[in-house]
Amino acid sequence: MGGSHAVVLVLADAQSWVRRFVDVFISVYILLIFAHILLSWVRVGYSPTLARVQRFLFDTCDPYLRIFRRFIPALGPIDISPILAIFLLIILDRVLTSVL
């Protein structure tokens, strides 16, 4: 009887770990999208460090944002696809948190 209680505790701990991991992962990805947006407004010039950061943000965020850019055209110079992308990540986080 004590063994089944220990299994339940281990599963509950694993479940809370997965829930925290998903929450942190989605939060960090949202922050990366915000940083990508902010750095897209700034000219980097010749700064190798900023160029690397900008390239990293482009490589990590652009594949996800490209999904939304296929369906949502830019409104002149304004790209609203990150807004929808972040909104969908927040909904996904809430759904996964309620499921887990």
N, C-alpha and C. Protein backbone atom coordinates (compact mmCIF):
# COMPACT_ATOMS: atom_id res chain seq x y z
N MET A 1 0.82 -1.19 0.00
CA MET A 1 0.00 0.00 0.00
C MET A 1 0.86 1.26 0.00
N GLY A 2 1.99 1.23 0.68
CA GLY A 2 2.87 2.38 0.71
C GLY A 2 3.56 2.59 -0.63
N GLY A 3 3.75 1.50 -1.40
CA GLY A 3 4.40 1.60 -2.71
C GLY A 3 3.53 2.36 -3.70
N SER A 4 2.22 2.13 -3.67
CA SER A 4 1.32 2.83 -4.60
C SER A 4 1.24 4.31 -4.26
N HIS A 5 1.34 4.62 -2.98
CA HIS A 5 1.33 6.03 -2.56
C HIS A 5 2.59 6.75 -3.07
N ALA A 6 3.71 6.05 -3.02
CA ALA A 6 4.97 6.63 -3.51
C ALA A 6 4.90 6.85 -5.02
N VAL A 7 4.29 5.93 -5.76
CA VAL A 7 4.15 6.07 -7.21
C VAL A 7 3.28 7.29 -7.54
N VAL A 8 2.21 7.46 -6.79
CA VAL A 8 1.32 8.61 -7.00
C VAL A 8 2.08 9.91 -6.75
N LEU A 9 2.89 9.94 -5.70
CA LEU A 9 3.66 11.14 -5.40
C LEU A 9 4.68 11.44 -6.50
N VAL A 10 5.32 10.40 -7.02
CA VAL A 10 6.30 10.60 -8.09
C VAL A 10 5.61 11.10 -9.35
N LEU A 11 4.45 10.54 -9.68
CA LEU A 11 3.71 11.00 -10.85
C LEU A 11 3.22 12.43 -10.68
N ALA A 12 2.77 12.77 -9.49
CA ALA A 12 2.32 14.15 -9.23
C ALA A 12 3.49 15.12 -9.35
N ASP A 13 4.66 14.70 -8.87
CA ASP A 13 5.84 15.56 -8.98
C ASP A 13 6.25 15.72 -10.44
N ALA A 14 6.20 14.64 -11.21
CA ALA A 14 6.54 14.71 -12.63
C ALA A 14 5.55 15.60 -13.37
N GLN A 15 4.28 15.50 -13.00
CA GLN A 15 3.26 16.32 -13.64
C GLN A 15 3.49 17.80 -13.35
N SER A 16 3.81 18.14 -12.11
CA SER A 16 4.06 19.55 -11.79
C SER A 16 5.34 20.04 -12.46
N TRP A 17 6.34 19.16 -12.59
CA TRP A 17 7.58 19.54 -13.29
C TRP A 17 7.29 19.83 -14.75
N VAL A 18 6.49 18.98 -15.40
CA VAL A 18 6.15 19.19 -16.81
C VAL A 18 5.35 20.47 -16.96
N ARG A 19 4.42 20.72 -16.06
CA ARG A 19 3.61 21.94 -16.12
C ARG A 19 4.49 23.19 -16.00
N ARG A 20 5.43 23.17 -15.05
CA ARG A 20 6.34 24.31 -14.89
C ARG A 20 7.25 24.47 -16.10
N PHE A 21 7.75 23.36 -16.64
CA PHE A 21 8.62 23.42 -17.82
C PHE A 21 7.89 24.05 -19.00
N VAL A 22 6.68 23.60 -19.28
CA VAL A 22 5.89 24.14 -20.39
C VAL A 22 5.62 25.62 -20.17
N ASP A 23 5.25 25.99 -18.94
CA ASP A 23 4.97 27.39 -18.63
C ASP A 23 6.20 28.27 -18.84
N VAL A 24 7.35 27.82 -18.35
CA VAL A 24 8.59 28.60 -18.51
C VAL A 24 9.01 28.65 -19.98
N PHE A 25 8.90 27.53 -20.67
CA PHE A 25 9.29 27.48 -22.08
C PHE A 25 8.47 28.46 -22.91
N ILE A 26 7.16 28.45 -22.72
CA ILE A 26 6.30 29.36 -23.48
C ILE A 26 6.56 30.81 -23.08
N SER A 27 6.78 31.08 -21.81
CA SER A 27 7.07 32.45 -21.37
C SER A 27 8.37 32.96 -21.96
N VAL A 28 9.39 32.12 -21.98
CA VAL A 28 10.68 32.53 -22.56
C VAL A 28 10.53 32.75 -24.06
N TYR A 29 9.77 31.91 -24.73
CA TYR A 29 9.59 32.07 -26.18
C TYR A 29 8.84 33.36 -26.49
N ILE A 30 7.87 33.72 -25.65
CA ILE A 30 7.17 34.99 -25.84
C ILE A 30 8.14 36.15 -25.67
N LEU A 31 9.01 36.07 -24.67
CA LEU A 31 10.02 37.12 -24.48
C LEU A 31 10.97 37.20 -25.68
N LEU A 32 11.33 36.06 -26.24
CA LEU A 32 12.19 36.07 -27.43
C LEU A 32 11.49 36.74 -28.61
N ILE A 33 10.19 36.50 -28.75
CA ILE A 33 9.44 37.16 -29.83
C ILE A 33 9.41 38.66 -29.61
N PHE A 34 9.20 39.10 -28.37
CA PHE A 34 9.23 40.54 -28.08
C PHE A 34 10.60 41.13 -28.39
N ALA A 35 11.67 40.44 -28.02
CA ALA A 35 13.01 40.93 -28.32
C ALA A 35 13.24 40.97 -29.83
N HIS A 36 12.74 39.99 -30.53
CA HIS A 36 12.85 39.96 -32.00
C HIS A 36 12.14 41.17 -32.62
N ILE A 37 10.97 41.47 -32.09
CA ILE A 37 10.22 42.63 -32.60
C ILE A 37 10.99 43.92 -32.33
N LEU A 38 11.47 44.09 -31.10
CA LEU A 38 12.19 45.32 -30.75
C LEU A 38 13.47 45.48 -31.56
N LEU A 39 14.22 44.40 -31.73
CA LEU A 39 15.46 44.51 -32.51
C LEU A 39 15.21 44.66 -34.00
N SER A 40 14.03 44.28 -34.47
CA SER A 40 13.74 44.48 -35.89
C SER A 40 13.51 45.96 -36.19
N TRP A 41 13.22 46.76 -35.18
CA TRP A 41 13.02 48.20 -35.38
C TRP A 41 14.33 48.98 -35.37
N VAL A 42 15.40 48.34 -34.90
CA VAL A 42 16.68 49.05 -34.70
C VAL A 42 17.68 48.59 -35.74
N ARG A 43 18.42 49.52 -36.29
CA ARG A 43 19.52 49.18 -37.19
C ARG A 43 20.71 48.78 -36.34
N VAL A 44 21.26 47.63 -36.64
CA VAL A 44 22.35 47.10 -35.85
C VAL A 44 23.66 47.79 -36.16
N GLY A 45 23.89 48.15 -37.40
CA GLY A 45 25.17 48.74 -37.77
C GLY A 45 26.22 47.64 -37.79
N TYR A 46 27.44 47.98 -37.44
CA TYR A 46 28.48 46.97 -37.42
C TYR A 46 28.85 46.65 -35.98
N SER A 47 28.03 45.85 -35.38
CA SER A 47 28.30 45.34 -34.04
C SER A 47 28.15 43.82 -34.11
N PRO A 48 29.26 43.11 -34.09
CA PRO A 48 29.16 41.65 -34.23
C PRO A 48 28.31 40.99 -33.14
N THR A 49 28.35 41.52 -31.95
CA THR A 49 27.58 40.94 -30.85
C THR A 49 26.08 41.12 -31.09
N LEU A 50 25.68 42.34 -31.43
CA LEU A 50 24.26 42.57 -31.71
C LEU A 50 23.81 41.82 -32.94
N ALA A 51 24.67 41.70 -33.92
CA ALA A 51 24.33 40.94 -35.12
C ALA A 51 24.08 39.47 -34.79
N ARG A 52 24.88 38.92 -33.88
CA ARG A 52 24.68 37.52 -33.46
C ARG A 52 23.37 37.36 -32.69
N VAL A 53 23.10 38.32 -31.82
CA VAL A 53 21.84 38.26 -31.06
C VAL A 53 20.66 38.36 -32.01
N GLN A 54 20.74 39.28 -32.94
CA GLN A 54 19.65 39.45 -33.90
C GLN A 54 19.49 38.20 -34.77
N ARG A 55 20.58 37.61 -35.17
CA ARG A 55 20.53 36.38 -35.98
C ARG A 55 19.92 35.23 -35.17
N PHE A 56 20.30 35.12 -33.89
CA PHE A 56 19.73 34.09 -33.02
C PHE A 56 18.22 34.27 -32.89
N LEU A 57 17.79 35.51 -32.66
CA LEU A 57 16.36 35.78 -32.52
C LEU A 57 15.63 35.49 -33.82
N PHE A 58 16.24 35.83 -34.95
CA PHE A 58 15.63 35.55 -36.24
C PHE A 58 15.50 34.04 -36.45
N ASP A 59 16.56 33.30 -36.14
CA ASP A 59 16.56 31.85 -36.35
C ASP A 59 15.58 31.13 -35.43
N THR A 60 15.36 31.66 -34.22
CA THR A 60 14.46 30.98 -33.29
C THR A 60 13.00 31.40 -33.44
N CYS A 61 12.76 32.65 -33.80
CA CYS A 61 11.39 33.16 -33.85
C CYS A 61 10.76 33.12 -35.23
N ASP A 62 11.57 33.32 -36.25
CA ASP A 62 11.00 33.46 -37.59
C ASP A 62 10.29 32.22 -38.11
N PRO A 63 10.76 31.00 -37.87
CA PRO A 63 9.98 29.85 -38.36
C PRO A 63 8.57 29.80 -37.79
N TYR A 64 8.42 30.13 -36.52
CA TYR A 64 7.08 30.15 -35.92
C TYR A 64 6.25 31.32 -36.46
N LEU A 65 6.86 32.49 -36.60
CA LEU A 65 6.13 33.66 -37.09
C LEU A 65 5.76 33.51 -38.57
N ARG A 66 6.57 32.77 -39.31
CA ARG A 66 6.29 32.57 -40.74
C ARG A 66 4.97 31.85 -40.97
N ILE A 67 4.60 31.00 -40.02
CA ILE A 67 3.30 30.30 -40.12
C ILE A 67 2.17 31.31 -40.18
N PHE A 68 2.23 32.34 -39.36
CA PHE A 68 1.17 33.35 -39.31
C PHE A 68 1.29 34.35 -40.46
N ARG A 69 2.49 34.60 -40.91
CA ARG A 69 2.67 35.54 -42.02
C ARG A 69 2.10 35.01 -43.32
N ARG A 70 1.96 33.69 -43.43
CA ARG A 70 1.34 33.12 -44.63
C ARG A 70 -0.12 33.50 -44.73
N PHE A 71 -0.80 33.60 -43.58
CA PHE A 71 -2.23 33.85 -43.57
C PHE A 71 -2.60 35.31 -43.32
N ILE A 72 -1.72 36.05 -42.65
CA ILE A 72 -2.01 37.44 -42.30
C ILE A 72 -1.06 38.35 -43.08
N PRO A 73 -1.61 39.08 -44.04
CA PRO A 73 -0.71 39.99 -44.77
C PRO A 73 -0.32 41.19 -43.90
N ALA A 74 0.84 41.75 -44.20
CA ALA A 74 1.30 42.93 -43.47
C ALA A 74 0.42 44.12 -43.85
N LEU A 75 0.14 44.95 -42.87
CA LEU A 75 -0.65 46.15 -43.10
C LEU A 75 0.32 47.31 -43.33
N GLY A 76 0.82 47.40 -44.55
CA GLY A 76 1.84 48.40 -44.85
C GLY A 76 3.12 48.01 -44.14
N PRO A 77 3.70 48.90 -43.36
CA PRO A 77 4.94 48.56 -42.65
C PRO A 77 4.70 47.81 -41.33
N ILE A 78 3.44 47.60 -40.99
CA ILE A 78 3.11 46.97 -39.71
C ILE A 78 2.82 45.50 -39.91
N ASP A 79 3.52 44.67 -39.17
CA ASP A 79 3.33 43.22 -39.21
C ASP A 79 2.61 42.81 -37.93
N ILE A 80 1.37 42.35 -38.06
CA ILE A 80 0.60 41.98 -36.88
C ILE A 80 0.66 40.48 -36.58
N SER A 81 1.42 39.74 -37.35
CA SER A 81 1.53 38.30 -37.10
C SER A 81 2.12 37.97 -35.73
N PRO A 82 3.08 38.75 -35.18
CA PRO A 82 3.56 38.43 -33.83
C PRO A 82 2.48 38.55 -32.76
N ILE A 83 1.52 39.44 -32.96
CA ILE A 83 0.44 39.60 -31.99
C ILE A 83 -0.38 38.32 -31.93
N LEU A 84 -0.74 37.81 -33.09
CA LEU A 84 -1.52 36.58 -33.13
C LEU A 84 -0.69 35.39 -32.63
N ALA A 85 0.59 35.37 -32.96
CA ALA A 85 1.47 34.29 -32.53
C ALA A 85 1.59 34.26 -31.00
N ILE A 86 1.75 35.42 -30.39
CA ILE A 86 1.85 35.50 -28.93
C ILE A 86 0.51 35.14 -28.30
N PHE A 87 -0.57 35.62 -28.88
CA PHE A 87 -1.90 35.30 -28.37
C PHE A 87 -2.14 33.79 -28.40
N LEU A 88 -1.74 33.13 -29.48
CA LEU A 88 -1.90 31.68 -29.58
C LEU A 88 -1.02 30.95 -28.56
N LEU A 89 0.18 31.45 -28.30
CA LEU A 89 1.04 30.84 -27.29
C LEU A 89 0.43 30.95 -25.89
N ILE A 90 -0.18 32.09 -25.60
CA ILE A 90 -0.83 32.27 -24.30
C ILE A 90 -2.00 31.31 -24.15
N ILE A 91 -2.79 31.17 -25.22
CA ILE A 91 -3.91 30.22 -25.18
C ILE A 91 -3.40 28.79 -25.01
N LEU A 92 -2.34 28.45 -25.74
CA LEU A 92 -1.75 27.11 -25.62
C LEU A 92 -1.25 26.86 -24.20
N ASP A 93 -0.63 27.85 -23.61
CA ASP A 93 -0.14 27.72 -22.23
C ASP A 93 -1.30 27.47 -21.27
N ARG A 94 -2.36 28.21 -21.42
CA ARG A 94 -3.53 28.04 -20.53
C ARG A 94 -4.17 26.66 -20.73
N VAL A 95 -4.28 26.23 -21.98
CA VAL A 95 -4.89 24.92 -22.25
C VAL A 95 -4.03 23.80 -21.67
N LEU A 96 -2.72 23.88 -21.91
CA LEU A 96 -1.84 22.83 -21.39
C LEU A 96 -1.78 22.83 -19.87
N THR A 97 -1.84 24.00 -19.27
CA THR A 97 -1.85 24.08 -17.81
C THR A 97 -3.12 23.46 -17.24
N SER A 98 -4.25 23.70 -17.89
CA SER A 98 -5.50 23.11 -17.39
C SER A 98 -5.56 21.60 -17.63
N VAL A 99 -4.94 21.15 -18.72
CA VAL A 99 -4.92 19.71 -19.00
C VAL A 99 -4.00 18.98 -18.04
N LEU A 100 -2.84 19.58 -17.78
CA LEU A 100 -1.86 18.94 -16.90
C LEU A 100 -2.25 19.17 -15.46
